[in-house]
Amino acid sequence: MSAPAPSPESPPLPPLPPARLVQVQGQRPSPVVGWLANRLMDGVCALPASWRDGLARFVGRLAFTLGIRLRVALENLTHAYPDMSDAERRKIALGAYITMARVVLESIDTKEHVETWWEAEDIKGEAWEALKANIAKGQGALLVTAHFGNWERAGKMLLRRGIPLNALVRPLKGALNMRIVDNRIAAGAGLIYPRGAIAEANEAVRLGETVLMLLDQSLPAKAAAFVPFFGRPASTTPAMAVVAKRTGAPVFVVMGIRDESGQKLRLEVEGPILPPEDLGKQDALTAHTAAVTAVLEKYVRRYPDQWLWLHRRWKVQPPSEGQAALKS
């Protein structure tokens, strides 16, 4: 459901203040390993754009050929597209490998000219204007995305357009991952970690900021809401719905979508996606999570090779009725 569009002449958002939540959690490599790894990554980033993309396609095809997590990807695709031929599913899987390789190479780059080269067009639409208007009034919002297109660049596109953004993330380790974390902070993003995440998200919304969450990873059953995703129950965090209920903040889906060449990105925004009415608390949280997940599924169906099929999205299933009765 989209809100009415504000006036197209709405003024630009003011410059962003420095991010508040810049504490880094994770494990960095030793100084020597970190220095060597970063010099290697600097060398890759210095390559011409067409060479970098060629390298990403090579790495993606190599991982696909070697069969790294290929069984997982094909099993997921078989469940999602049972009527599709094996050749068609393998083509989508190959695209997903190339997408992942592109995300990694693009996310370690620190050069601003690469980021502007990436943007296919400006962001348009009623939902985008509604989000900007919400921020301009000093009211926070919740943003939802998936491991799709390039979620790292999508966040940076929002930041460059004046949207104060805090990303819900996990502690990482290793030189490559920590470089991506440092790039997030350099772009102006705040970082919210799992411990105390709900309280931090509530505070960010209260201060008129946004919180960006990825809603396409499975959780242990006891912490999850089970909602349909490609016709199967998918274990999903209810954190977005919980914060939305507590704060009244609107929820928008933001997706960074590659063009046909795979080398440019555009951002699409949908929302606000409102919580259902006249339901009990737990049912309302699950229904709101399901409504947002349905929008994510729409984009994955539209661009299936841009989603991370390598992840075991359905590995956690709801307990059977018999198991639930024994626990109660």
Protein backbone atom coordinates (compact mmCIF):
# COMPACT_ATOMS: atom_id res chain seq x y z
CA MET A 1 0.00 0.00 0.00
CA SER A 2 1.53 3.31 -1.05
CA ALA A 3 1.00 6.67 0.58
CA PRO A 4 -0.01 9.65 -1.53
CA ALA A 5 3.00 11.31 -3.10
CA PRO A 6 4.15 14.58 -1.57
CA SER A 7 4.72 17.51 -3.86
CA PRO A 8 7.38 16.72 -6.50
CA GLU A 9 8.97 20.06 -5.59
CA SER A 10 9.76 18.84 -2.08
CA PRO A 11 13.09 20.30 -0.92
CA PRO A 12 16.17 18.09 -0.65
CA LEU A 13 16.99 16.57 2.69
CA PRO A 14 19.59 18.36 4.84
CA PRO A 15 23.15 16.98 5.09
CA LEU A 16 23.50 13.95 7.30
CA PRO A 17 25.07 14.29 10.74
CA PRO A 18 27.84 11.82 11.63
CA ALA A 19 26.55 8.33 12.39
CA ARG A 20 26.10 7.63 16.09
CA LEU A 21 26.55 3.86 16.09
CA VAL A 22 30.07 3.34 14.78
CA GLN A 23 31.42 0.75 17.20
CA VAL A 24 32.84 -2.20 15.25
CA GLN A 25 32.34 -5.71 16.57
CA GLY A 26 34.24 -8.54 14.94
CA GLN A 27 37.64 -10.11 14.58
CA ARG A 28 40.34 -8.40 12.55
CA PRO A 29 43.27 -10.38 11.15
CA SER A 30 46.82 -9.87 12.38
CA PRO A 31 48.41 -6.57 11.26
CA VAL A 32 50.64 -8.30 8.69
CA VAL A 33 47.84 -10.38 7.19
CA GLY A 34 45.51 -7.37 7.22
CA TRP A 35 48.06 -5.15 5.48
CA LEU A 36 48.82 -7.73 2.78
CA ALA A 37 45.14 -8.49 2.18
CA ASN A 38 44.24 -4.83 1.91
CA ARG A 39 47.06 -4.15 -0.57
CA LEU A 40 45.78 -7.03 -2.70
CA MET A 41 42.25 -5.64 -2.54
CA ASP A 42 43.56 -2.17 -3.41
CA GLY A 43 45.14 -3.67 -6.51
CA VAL A 44 41.89 -5.31 -7.58
CA CYS A 45 39.96 -2.09 -7.01
CA ALA A 46 42.47 -0.17 -9.15
CA LEU A 47 41.61 -2.26 -12.21
CA PRO A 48 39.40 -0.67 -14.89
CA ALA A 49 35.70 -1.16 -14.24
CA SER A 50 35.25 -3.59 -17.14
CA TRP A 51 38.16 -5.71 -15.87
CA ARG A 52 36.72 -5.86 -12.37
CA ASP A 53 33.39 -7.01 -13.70
CA GLY A 54 35.12 -9.56 -15.89
CA LEU A 55 36.95 -10.84 -12.82
CA ALA A 56 33.65 -11.09 -10.92
CA ARG A 57 32.09 -13.10 -13.75
CA PHE A 58 35.15 -15.39 -13.84
CA VAL A 59 35.07 -15.97 -10.06
CA GLY A 60 31.32 -16.62 -10.12
CA ARG A 61 31.60 -19.12 -12.97
CA LEU A 62 34.54 -20.83 -11.27
CA ALA A 63 32.62 -21.27 -8.00
CA PHE A 64 29.65 -22.61 -9.98
CA THR A 65 31.85 -25.04 -11.94
CA LEU A 66 33.55 -26.26 -8.77
CA GLY A 67 30.11 -26.90 -7.28
CA ILE A 68 30.60 -24.78 -4.15
CA ARG A 69 27.18 -24.94 -2.44
CA LEU A 70 25.67 -25.77 -5.84
CA ARG A 71 23.58 -28.59 -4.39
CA VAL A 72 22.00 -26.15 -1.93
CA ALA A 73 21.24 -23.64 -4.69
CA LEU A 74 19.68 -26.24 -6.98
CA GLU A 75 17.61 -27.75 -4.16
CA ASN A 76 16.26 -24.29 -3.32
CA LEU A 77 15.48 -23.60 -6.96
CA THR A 78 13.77 -26.98 -7.39
CA HIS A 79 11.43 -26.20 -4.50
CA ALA A 80 10.80 -22.64 -5.71
CA TYR A 81 10.34 -23.54 -9.39
CA PRO A 82 9.20 -27.19 -9.56
CA ASP A 83 8.00 -26.84 -13.17
CA MET A 84 11.22 -25.33 -14.45
CA SER A 85 13.75 -27.41 -16.36
CA ASP A 86 17.06 -28.31 -14.78
CA ALA A 87 18.87 -26.23 -17.41
CA GLU A 88 16.79 -23.17 -16.52
CA ARG A 89 17.46 -23.64 -12.82
CA ARG A 90 21.19 -24.01 -13.43
CA LYS A 91 21.18 -20.79 -15.45
CA ILE A 92 19.58 -18.93 -12.54
CA ALA A 93 22.06 -20.50 -10.13
CA LEU A 94 24.99 -19.37 -12.28
CA GLY A 95 23.58 -15.83 -12.26
CA ALA A 96 23.37 -15.96 -8.47
CA TYR A 97 27.05 -16.94 -8.23
CA ILE A 98 28.04 -14.06 -10.49
CA THR A 99 25.86 -11.67 -8.49
CA MET A 100 27.57 -12.74 -5.27
CA ALA A 101 31.04 -12.30 -6.78
CA ARG A 102 30.08 -8.84 -8.02
CA VAL A 103 28.76 -7.84 -4.59
CA VAL A 104 32.04 -8.82 -2.94
CA LEU A 105 34.28 -7.00 -5.43
CA GLU A 106 32.08 -3.92 -5.45
CA SER A 107 31.78 -3.81 -1.66
CA ILE A 108 35.53 -3.70 -1.02
CA ASP A 109 35.96 -0.67 -3.29
CA THR A 110 36.50 2.65 -1.54
CA LYS A 111 36.52 4.93 -4.60
CA GLU A 112 33.62 7.35 -4.83
CA HIS A 113 33.76 7.50 -8.65
CA VAL A 114 32.88 3.82 -8.74
CA GLU A 115 29.78 4.44 -6.64
CA THR A 116 28.48 7.16 -8.97
CA TRP A 117 29.26 4.97 -11.98
CA TRP A 118 27.07 2.34 -10.40
CA GLU A 119 23.88 4.36 -10.32
CA ALA A 120 21.72 3.67 -13.37
CA GLU A 121 19.18 6.40 -12.64
CA ASP A 122 17.75 8.52 -9.87
CA ILE A 123 15.25 7.06 -7.43
CA LYS A 124 11.65 7.79 -8.37
CA GLY A 125 8.14 6.97 -7.24
CA GLU A 126 5.55 7.77 -4.59
CA ALA A 127 7.11 5.50 -1.98
CA TRP A 128 10.49 7.24 -2.30
CA GLU A 129 8.82 10.65 -1.90
CA ALA A 130 6.88 9.35 1.10
CA LEU A 131 10.09 8.10 2.72
CA LYS A 132 11.85 11.44 2.12
CA ALA A 133 8.90 13.36 3.50
CA ASN A 134 8.91 11.19 6.62
CA ILE A 135 12.60 11.86 7.23
CA ALA A 136 12.22 15.57 6.48
CA LYS A 137 9.66 15.76 9.31
CA GLY A 138 12.16 14.16 11.69
CA GLN A 139 10.28 10.89 11.85
CA GLY A 140 12.12 7.59 11.60
CA ALA A 141 11.37 4.65 9.34
CA LEU A 142 12.15 0.97 8.99
CA LEU A 143 13.75 -0.24 5.76
CA VAL A 144 13.77 -3.86 4.65
CA THR A 145 15.86 -5.49 1.93
CA ALA A 146 17.33 -8.88 1.03
CA HIS A 147 20.58 -10.43 -0.18
CA PHE A 148 19.67 -9.24 -3.62
CA GLY A 149 21.29 -7.19 -6.41
CA ASN A 150 23.78 -5.31 -4.26
CA TRP A 151 22.44 -4.61 -0.80
CA GLU A 152 25.65 -2.85 0.28
CA ARG A 153 25.47 -0.32 -2.57
CA ALA A 154 21.74 0.15 -2.01
CA GLY A 155 22.47 1.38 1.52
CA LYS A 156 25.11 3.79 0.24
CA MET A 157 22.69 5.16 -2.36
CA LEU A 158 20.25 5.98 0.44
CA LEU A 159 22.94 7.65 2.52
CA ARG A 160 24.10 9.82 -0.36
CA ARG A 161 20.53 11.02 -0.78
CA GLY A 162 20.24 12.16 2.81
CA ILE A 163 18.59 9.16 4.48
CA PRO A 164 20.19 8.61 7.94
CA LEU A 165 20.73 4.86 7.98
CA ASN A 166 21.63 2.28 10.61
CA ALA A 167 22.15 -1.28 9.40
CA LEU A 168 21.30 -4.31 11.51
CA VAL A 169 24.42 -6.49 11.07
CA ARG A 170 26.29 -9.42 12.58
CA PRO A 171 29.86 -9.35 13.91
CA LEU A 172 32.24 -10.43 11.13
CA LYS A 173 35.83 -11.59 10.93
CA GLY A 174 38.61 -11.68 8.36
CA ALA A 175 40.31 -9.00 6.27
CA LEU A 176 37.73 -8.94 3.48
CA ASN A 177 34.71 -8.77 5.79
CA MET A 178 36.27 -6.13 8.03
CA ARG A 179 37.07 -3.99 4.98
CA ILE A 180 33.38 -4.12 4.06
CA VAL A 181 32.51 -3.09 7.64
CA ASP A 182 34.94 -0.16 7.47
CA ASN A 183 33.39 0.92 4.16
CA ARG A 184 29.94 0.92 5.75
CA ILE A 185 31.13 3.30 8.45
CA ALA A 186 33.04 5.47 5.96
CA ALA A 187 29.83 5.84 3.94
CA GLY A 188 28.06 7.19 7.04
CA ALA A 189 26.08 4.17 8.19
CA GLY A 190 25.51 3.29 11.82
CA LEU A 191 25.82 -0.35 12.85
CA ILE A 192 23.35 -2.18 15.09
CA TYR A 193 24.42 -5.60 16.39
CA PRO A 194 22.13 -8.42 17.57
CA ARG A 195 22.66 -7.90 21.30
CA GLY A 196 20.30 -5.08 22.24
CA ALA A 197 19.17 -4.63 18.63
CA ILE A 198 15.50 -3.94 19.42
CA ALA A 199 16.38 -1.17 21.89
CA GLU A 200 18.89 0.40 19.48
CA ALA A 201 16.39 0.27 16.63
CA ASN A 202 13.71 1.88 18.80
CA GLU A 203 16.12 4.67 19.73
CA ALA A 204 17.17 5.25 16.11
CA VAL A 205 13.55 5.60 15.00
CA ARG A 206 12.82 7.95 17.91
CA LEU A 207 15.70 10.17 16.72
CA GLY A 208 14.29 10.34 13.19
CA GLU A 209 16.72 7.85 11.65
CA THR A 210 16.12 4.70 9.62
CA VAL A 211 17.00 1.10 10.42
CA LEU A 212 17.83 -1.24 7.53
CA MET A 213 17.20 -4.97 8.03
CA LEU A 214 17.72 -7.99 5.77
CA LEU A 215 14.69 -10.21 6.10
CA ASP A 216 15.75 -13.27 4.12
CA GLN A 217 17.83 -15.30 6.57
CA SER A 218 16.61 -18.19 8.70
CA LEU A 219 16.56 -18.12 12.50
CA PRO A 220 16.23 -20.84 15.13
CA ALA A 221 12.59 -21.86 15.38
CA LYS A 222 12.09 -20.49 18.90
CA ALA A 223 13.07 -16.96 17.80
CA ALA A 224 11.32 -16.93 14.43
CA ALA A 225 8.05 -16.11 12.77
CA PHE A 226 7.23 -18.63 10.05
CA VAL A 227 5.86 -16.91 6.94
CA PRO A 228 5.34 -18.07 3.34
CA PHE A 229 8.23 -17.59 0.94
CA PHE A 230 7.83 -19.31 -2.43
CA GLY A 231 4.98 -21.30 -0.96
CA ARG A 232 7.00 -22.78 1.93
CA PRO A 233 7.20 -21.73 5.60
CA ALA A 234 10.38 -19.72 6.06
CA SER A 235 11.89 -18.96 9.45
CA THR A 236 12.08 -15.14 9.57
CA THR A 237 13.03 -12.55 12.17
CA PRO A 238 10.03 -10.70 13.63
CA ALA A 239 12.30 -7.80 14.70
CA MET A 240 11.01 -5.47 12.00
CA ALA A 241 7.39 -6.04 13.00
CA VAL A 242 8.22 -5.69 16.71
CA VAL A 243 9.93 -2.32 16.22
CA ALA A 244 7.18 -1.12 13.89
CA LYS A 245 4.54 -1.96 16.50
CA ARG A 246 6.44 -0.31 19.35
CA THR A 247 7.35 2.87 17.49
CA GLY A 248 4.63 3.26 14.88
CA ALA A 249 7.35 3.76 12.27
CA PRO A 250 6.40 3.07 8.64
CA VAL A 251 8.02 0.15 6.83
CA PHE A 252 9.49 0.46 3.33
CA VAL A 253 11.11 -2.19 1.14
CA VAL A 254 14.24 -0.99 -0.69
CA MET A 255 15.84 -3.11 -3.40
CA GLY A 256 19.06 -2.43 -5.30
CA ILE A 257 18.44 -3.89 -8.77
CA ARG A 258 21.04 -4.45 -11.48
CA ASP A 259 20.36 -3.53 -15.08
CA GLU A 260 20.70 -6.10 -17.87
CA SER A 261 24.44 -5.51 -18.14
CA GLY A 262 24.84 -6.22 -14.43
CA GLN A 263 27.08 -3.18 -14.13
CA LYS A 264 24.65 -0.46 -13.06
CA LEU A 265 22.28 -0.31 -10.13
CA ARG A 266 18.96 1.37 -9.50
CA LEU A 267 17.03 1.57 -6.28
CA GLU A 268 13.31 0.79 -6.05
CA VAL A 269 11.27 1.63 -2.96
CA GLU A 270 7.84 0.27 -1.97
CA GLY A 271 5.65 1.22 0.96
CA PRO A 272 4.69 2.10 3.51
CA ILE A 273 3.68 -1.49 4.16
CA LEU A 274 1.19 -1.24 6.99
CA PRO A 275 0.59 -3.79 9.75
CA PRO A 276 -2.74 -5.62 9.64
CA GLU A 277 -5.56 -4.56 11.90
CA ASP A 278 -7.88 -6.49 14.20
CA LEU A 279 -5.43 -9.30 14.97
CA GLY A 280 -3.92 -10.50 18.22
CA LYS A 281 -0.41 -9.32 19.02
CA GLN A 282 1.49 -12.42 17.87
CA ASP A 283 -0.71 -12.92 14.81
CA ALA A 284 -0.24 -9.27 13.85
CA LEU A 285 3.55 -9.53 14.08
CA THR A 286 3.57 -12.65 11.89
CA ALA A 287 1.14 -11.13 9.39
CA HIS A 288 3.20 -7.94 9.08
CA THR A 289 6.36 -10.00 8.56
CA ALA A 290 4.54 -12.05 5.92
CA ALA A 291 3.34 -8.93 4.07
CA VAL A 292 6.86 -7.53 3.83
CA THR A 293 8.30 -10.93 2.86
CA ALA A 294 5.73 -11.15 0.05
CA VAL A 295 7.17 -7.94 -1.44
CA LEU A 296 10.68 -9.39 -1.27
CA GLU A 297 9.45 -12.55 -2.99
CA LYS A 298 7.93 -10.45 -5.78
CA TYR A 299 11.34 -8.97 -6.57
CA VAL A 300 13.11 -12.32 -6.37
CA ARG A 301 10.58 -13.81 -8.80
CA ARG A 302 11.08 -10.86 -11.13
CA TYR A 303 14.90 -11.07 -11.02
CA PRO A 304 15.67 -14.60 -9.76
CA ASP A 305 19.37 -14.56 -10.68
CA GLN A 306 19.94 -11.56 -8.37
CA TRP A 307 19.05 -13.37 -5.13
CA LEU A 308 21.37 -15.51 -3.00
CA TRP A 309 20.01 -19.02 -3.62
CA LEU A 310 23.18 -20.42 -2.01
CA HIS A 311 21.74 -19.72 1.45
CA ARG A 312 19.72 -22.47 3.20
CA ARG A 313 16.65 -20.28 3.47
CA TRP A 314 14.27 -23.10 4.46
CA LYS A 315 16.59 -25.17 6.67
CA VAL A 316 14.50 -24.42 9.78
CA GLN A 317 10.91 -25.59 9.64
CA PRO A 318 8.10 -25.03 12.16
CA PRO A 319 7.71 -27.81 14.73
CA SER A 320 5.03 -30.35 14.00
CA GLU A 321 1.79 -30.20 15.94
CA GLY A 322 2.92 -33.17 18.02
CA GLN A 323 6.21 -31.52 18.96
CA ALA A 324 4.41 -28.27 19.79
CA ALA A 325 2.03 -30.13 22.09
CA LEU A 326 4.90 -31.80 23.95
CA LYS A 327 6.56 -28.41 24.55
CA SER A 328 3.38 -26.75 25.80
